[in-house]
Amino acid sequence: IYDPQELIVPRTVYGFDESYVQIFTLAPGKGYWLRSSGNGEIFLSGN
């Protein structure tokens, strides 16, 4: 995740595995939620 404007609120990236769980590594094909501090751009890379 590239967040040049530091919009992602720390420790607020979540996935779902029977309940919401904090995520530290993104996996292809999964869905995620995060909290941002405002409007802007957050970039994801496949690398």
PDB file of N, CA and C in Angstrom:
ATOM      1  N   ILE A   1       0.865  -1.177   0.000  1.00  0.00           N
ATOM      2  CA  ILE A   1       0.000   0.000   0.000  1.00  0.00           C
ATOM      3  C   ILE A   1       0.901   1.226   0.000  1.00  0.00           C
ATOM      4  N   TYR A   2       0.659   2.133  -0.941  1.00  0.00           N
ATOM      5  CA  TYR A   2       1.381   3.403  -0.990  1.00  0.00           C
ATOM      6  C   TYR A   2       0.386   4.490  -0.614  1.00  0.00           C
ATOM      7  N   ASP A   3       0.647   5.154   0.488  1.00  0.00           N
ATOM      8  CA  ASP A   3      -0.258   6.152   1.058  1.00  0.00           C
ATOM      9  C   ASP A   3       0.506   7.468   1.236  1.00  0.00           C
ATOM     10  N   PRO A   4       0.795   8.176   0.119  1.00  0.00           N
ATOM     11  CA  PRO A   4       1.664   9.355   0.191  1.00  0.00           C
ATOM     12  C   PRO A   4       1.128  10.487   1.060  1.00  0.00           C
ATOM     13  N   GLN A   5      -0.185  10.563   1.236  1.00  0.00           N
ATOM     14  CA  GLN A   5      -0.767  11.631   2.055  1.00  0.00           C
ATOM     15  C   GLN A   5      -1.045  11.169   3.487  1.00  0.00           C
ATOM     16  N   GLU A   6      -0.612   9.942   3.813  1.00  0.00           N
ATOM     17  CA  GLU A   6      -0.811   9.362   5.145  1.00  0.00           C
ATOM     18  C   GLU A   6      -2.278   9.433   5.575  1.00  0.00           C
ATOM     19  N   LEU A   7      -3.145   8.972   4.681  1.00  0.00           N
ATOM     20  CA  LEU A   7      -4.585   8.997   4.927  1.00  0.00           C
ATOM     21  C   LEU A   7      -5.073   7.821   5.766  1.00  0.00           C
ATOM     22  N   ILE A   8      -4.382   6.686   5.686  1.00  0.00           N
ATOM     23  CA  ILE A   8      -4.834   5.502   6.416  1.00  0.00           C
ATOM     24  C   ILE A   8      -4.596   5.703   7.908  1.00  0.00           C
ATOM     25  N   VAL A   9      -5.658   5.557   8.685  1.00  0.00           N
ATOM     26  CA  VAL A   9      -5.537   5.636  10.140  1.00  0.00           C
ATOM     27  C   VAL A   9      -4.813   4.363  10.593  1.00  0.00           C
ATOM     28  N   PRO A  10      -3.728   4.489  11.375  1.00  0.00           N
ATOM     29  CA  PRO A  10      -2.953   3.310  11.781  1.00  0.00           C
ATOM     30  C   PRO A  10      -3.808   2.225  12.435  1.00  0.00           C
ATOM     31  N   ARG A  11      -3.481   0.978  12.104  1.00  0.00           N
ATOM     32  CA  ARG A  11      -4.128  -0.214  12.669  1.00  0.00           C
ATOM     33  C   ARG A  11      -5.613  -0.309  12.343  1.00  0.00           C
ATOM     34  N   THR A  12      -6.021   0.210  11.156  1.00  0.00           N
ATOM     35  CA  THR A  12      -7.439   0.141  10.776  1.00  0.00           C
ATOM     36  C   THR A  12      -7.649  -0.525   9.418  1.00  0.00           C
ATOM     37  N   VAL A  13      -6.784  -1.472   9.056  1.00  0.00           N
ATOM     38  CA  VAL A  13      -6.990  -2.255   7.839  1.00  0.00           C
ATOM     39  C   VAL A  13      -7.534  -3.613   8.283  1.00  0.00           C
ATOM     40  N   TYR A  14      -8.721  -3.974   7.780  1.00  0.00           N
ATOM     41  CA  TYR A  14      -9.404  -5.184   8.225  1.00  0.00           C
ATOM     42  C   TYR A  14      -9.794  -6.070   7.056  1.00  0.00           C
ATOM     43  N   GLY A  15      -9.817  -7.359   7.324  1.00  0.00           N
ATOM     44  CA  GLY A  15     -10.373  -8.358   6.432  1.00  0.00           C
ATOM     45  C   GLY A  15     -11.515  -9.039   7.168  1.00  0.00           C
ATOM     46  N   PHE A  16     -12.057 -10.097   6.571  1.00  0.00           N
ATOM     47  CA  PHE A  16     -13.164 -10.807   7.209  1.00  0.00           C
ATOM     48  C   PHE A  16     -12.894 -12.298   7.164  1.00  0.00           C
ATOM     49  N   ASP A  17     -12.916 -12.942   8.333  1.00  0.00           N
ATOM     50  CA  ASP A  17     -12.748 -14.389   8.459  1.00  0.00           C
ATOM     51  C   ASP A  17     -13.669 -14.845   9.586  1.00  0.00           C
ATOM     52  N   GLU A  18     -14.963 -14.946   9.280  1.00  0.00           N
ATOM     53  CA  GLU A  18     -16.040 -15.211  10.236  1.00  0.00           C
ATOM     54  C   GLU A  18     -16.311 -14.019  11.154  1.00  0.00           C
ATOM     55  N   SER A  19     -15.396 -13.084  11.217  1.00  0.00           N
ATOM     56  CA  SER A  19     -15.570 -11.795  11.894  1.00  0.00           C
ATOM     57  C   SER A  19     -14.490 -10.872  11.335  1.00  0.00           C
ATOM     58  N   TYR A  20     -14.550  -9.601  11.666  1.00  0.00           N
ATOM     59  CA  TYR A  20     -13.531  -8.669  11.196  1.00  0.00           C
ATOM     60  C   TYR A  20     -12.227  -8.926  11.938  1.00  0.00           C
ATOM     61  N   VAL A  21     -11.130  -8.977  11.184  1.00  0.00           N
ATOM     62  CA  VAL A  21      -9.810  -9.214  11.767  1.00  0.00           C
ATOM     63  C   VAL A  21      -8.830  -8.194  11.213  1.00  0.00           C
ATOM     64  N   GLN A  22      -7.929  -7.739  12.072  1.00  0.00           N
ATOM     65  CA  GLN A  22      -6.906  -6.790  11.633  1.00  0.00           C
ATOM     66  C   GLN A  22      -5.948  -7.514  10.689  1.00  0.00           C
ATOM     67  N   ILE A  23      -5.603  -6.858   9.568  1.00  0.00           N
ATOM     68  CA  ILE A  23      -4.769  -7.450   8.526  1.00  0.00           C
ATOM     69  C   ILE A  23      -3.437  -6.712   8.454  1.00  0.00           C
ATOM     70  N   PHE A  24      -2.357  -7.490   8.288  1.00  0.00           N
ATOM     71  CA  PHE A  24      -1.028  -6.901   8.151  1.00  0.00           C
ATOM     72  C   PHE A  24      -0.432  -7.142   6.768  1.00  0.00           C
ATOM     73  N   THR A  25      -0.968  -8.143   6.040  1.00  0.00           N
ATOM     74  CA  THR A  25      -0.508  -8.464   4.692  1.00  0.00           C
ATOM     75  C   THR A  25      -1.727  -8.677   3.799  1.00  0.00           C
ATOM     76  N   LEU A  26      -1.760  -8.007   2.658  1.00  0.00           N
ATOM     77  CA  LEU A  26      -2.864  -8.175   1.718  1.00  0.00           C
ATOM     78  C   LEU A  26      -2.629  -9.409   0.854  1.00  0.00           C
ATOM     79  N   ALA A  27      -3.703 -10.136   0.557  1.00  0.00           N
ATOM     80  CA  ALA A  27      -3.624 -11.326  -0.291  1.00  0.00           C
ATOM     81  C   ALA A  27      -4.494 -11.115  -1.528  1.00  0.00           C
ATOM     82  N   PRO A  28      -4.050 -11.593  -2.696  1.00  0.00           N
ATOM     83  CA  PRO A  28      -4.843 -11.454  -3.920  1.00  0.00           C
ATOM     84  C   PRO A  28      -6.209 -12.124  -3.776  1.00  0.00           C
ATOM     85  N   GLY A  29      -7.233 -11.494  -4.335  1.00  0.00           N
ATOM     86  CA  GLY A  29      -8.566 -12.067  -4.358  1.00  0.00           C
ATOM     87  C   GLY A  29      -9.377 -11.876  -3.091  1.00  0.00           C
ATOM     88  N   LYS A  30      -8.845 -11.190  -2.113  1.00  0.00           N
ATOM     89  CA  LYS A  30      -9.551 -10.949  -0.854  1.00  0.00           C
ATOM     90  C   LYS A  30     -10.056  -9.508  -0.817  1.00  0.00           C
ATOM     91  N   GLY A  31     -11.019  -9.241   0.048  1.00  0.00           N
ATOM     92  CA  GLY A  31     -11.551  -7.891   0.211  1.00  0.00           C
ATOM     93  C   GLY A  31     -11.098  -7.304   1.539  1.00  0.00           C
ATOM     94  N   TYR A  32     -10.937  -5.994   1.579  1.00  0.00           N
ATOM     95  CA  TYR A  32     -10.432  -5.331   2.780  1.00  0.00           C
ATOM     96  C   TYR A  32     -11.158  -4.022   3.022  1.00  0.00           C
ATOM     97  N   TRP A  33     -11.152  -3.589   4.259  1.00  0.00           N
ATOM     98  CA  TRP A  33     -11.710  -2.310   4.660  1.00  0.00           C
ATOM     99  C   TRP A  33     -10.616  -1.556   5.395  1.00  0.00           C
ATOM    100  N   LEU A  34     -10.633  -0.259   5.275  1.00  0.00           N
ATOM    101  CA  LEU A  34      -9.714   0.565   6.051  1.00  0.00           C
ATOM    102  C   LEU A  34     -10.386   1.880   6.377  1.00  0.00           C
ATOM    103  N   ARG A  35      -9.858   2.546   7.376  1.00  0.00           N
ATOM    104  CA  ARG A  35     -10.374   3.863   7.749  1.00  0.00           C
ATOM    105  C   ARG A  35      -9.366   4.903   7.292  1.00  0.00           C
ATOM    106  N   SER A  36      -9.875   5.954   6.652  1.00  0.00           N
ATOM    107  CA  SER A  36      -8.991   7.041   6.222  1.00  0.00           C
ATOM    108  C   SER A  36      -9.344   8.311   6.987  1.00  0.00           C
ATOM    109  N   SER A  37      -8.370   9.194   7.064  1.00  0.00           N
ATOM    110  CA  SER A  37      -8.567  10.451   7.781  1.00  0.00           C
ATOM    111  C   SER A  37      -9.187  11.527   6.902  1.00  0.00           C
ATOM    112  N   GLY A  38      -9.381  11.233   5.604  1.00  0.00           N
ATOM    113  CA  GLY A  38      -9.967  12.220   4.703  1.00  0.00           C
ATOM    114  C   GLY A  38      -9.955  11.735   3.269  1.00  0.00           C
ATOM    115  N   ASN A  39     -10.282  12.628   2.364  1.00  0.00           N
ATOM    116  CA  ASN A  39     -10.289  12.328   0.935  1.00  0.00           C
ATOM    117  C   ASN A  39      -8.877  12.356   0.381  1.00  0.00           C
ATOM    118  N   GLY A  40      -8.634  11.554  -0.644  1.00  0.00           N
ATOM    119  CA  GLY A  40      -7.332  11.545  -1.290  1.00  0.00           C
ATOM    120  C   GLY A  40      -7.133  10.252  -2.049  1.00  0.00           C
ATOM    121  N   GLU A  41      -5.880   9.921  -2.337  1.00  0.00           N
ATOM    122  CA  GLU A  41      -5.562   8.724  -3.105  1.00  0.00           C
ATOM    123  C   GLU A  41      -4.660   7.800  -2.304  1.00  0.00           C
ATOM    124  N   ILE A  42      -4.999   6.513  -2.354  1.00  0.00           N
ATOM    125  CA  ILE A  42      -4.199   5.444  -1.774  1.00  0.00           C
ATOM    126  C   ILE A  42      -3.964   4.459  -2.909  1.00  0.00           C
ATOM    127  N   PHE A  43      -2.741   4.010  -3.083  1.00  0.00           N
ATOM    128  CA  PHE A  43      -2.384   3.160  -4.215  1.00  0.00           C
ATOM    129  C   PHE A  43      -2.034   1.750  -3.758  1.00  0.00           C
ATOM    130  N   LEU A  44      -2.458   0.769  -4.558  1.00  0.00           N
ATOM    131  CA  LEU A  44      -2.095  -0.630  -4.334  1.00  0.00           C
ATOM    132  C   LEU A  44      -1.219  -1.091  -5.478  1.00  0.00           C
ATOM    133  N   SER A  45      -0.210  -1.880  -5.167  1.00  0.00           N
ATOM    134  CA  SER A  45       0.685  -2.427  -6.179  1.00  0.00           C
ATOM    135  C   SER A  45       0.656  -3.949  -6.095  1.00  0.00           C
ATOM    136  N   GLY A  46       0.781  -4.596  -7.220  1.00  0.00           N
ATOM    137  CA  GLY A  46       0.823  -6.050  -7.258  1.00  0.00           C
ATOM    138  C   GLY A  46       2.205  -6.619  -7.001  1.00  0.00           C
ATOM    139  N   ASN A  47       3.163  -5.781  -6.696  1.00  0.00           N
ATOM    140  CA  ASN A  47       4.547  -6.239  -6.469  1.00  0.00           C
ATOM    141  C   ASN A  47       4.793  -6.601  -5.033  1.00  0.00           C
TER     142      ASN A  47
END
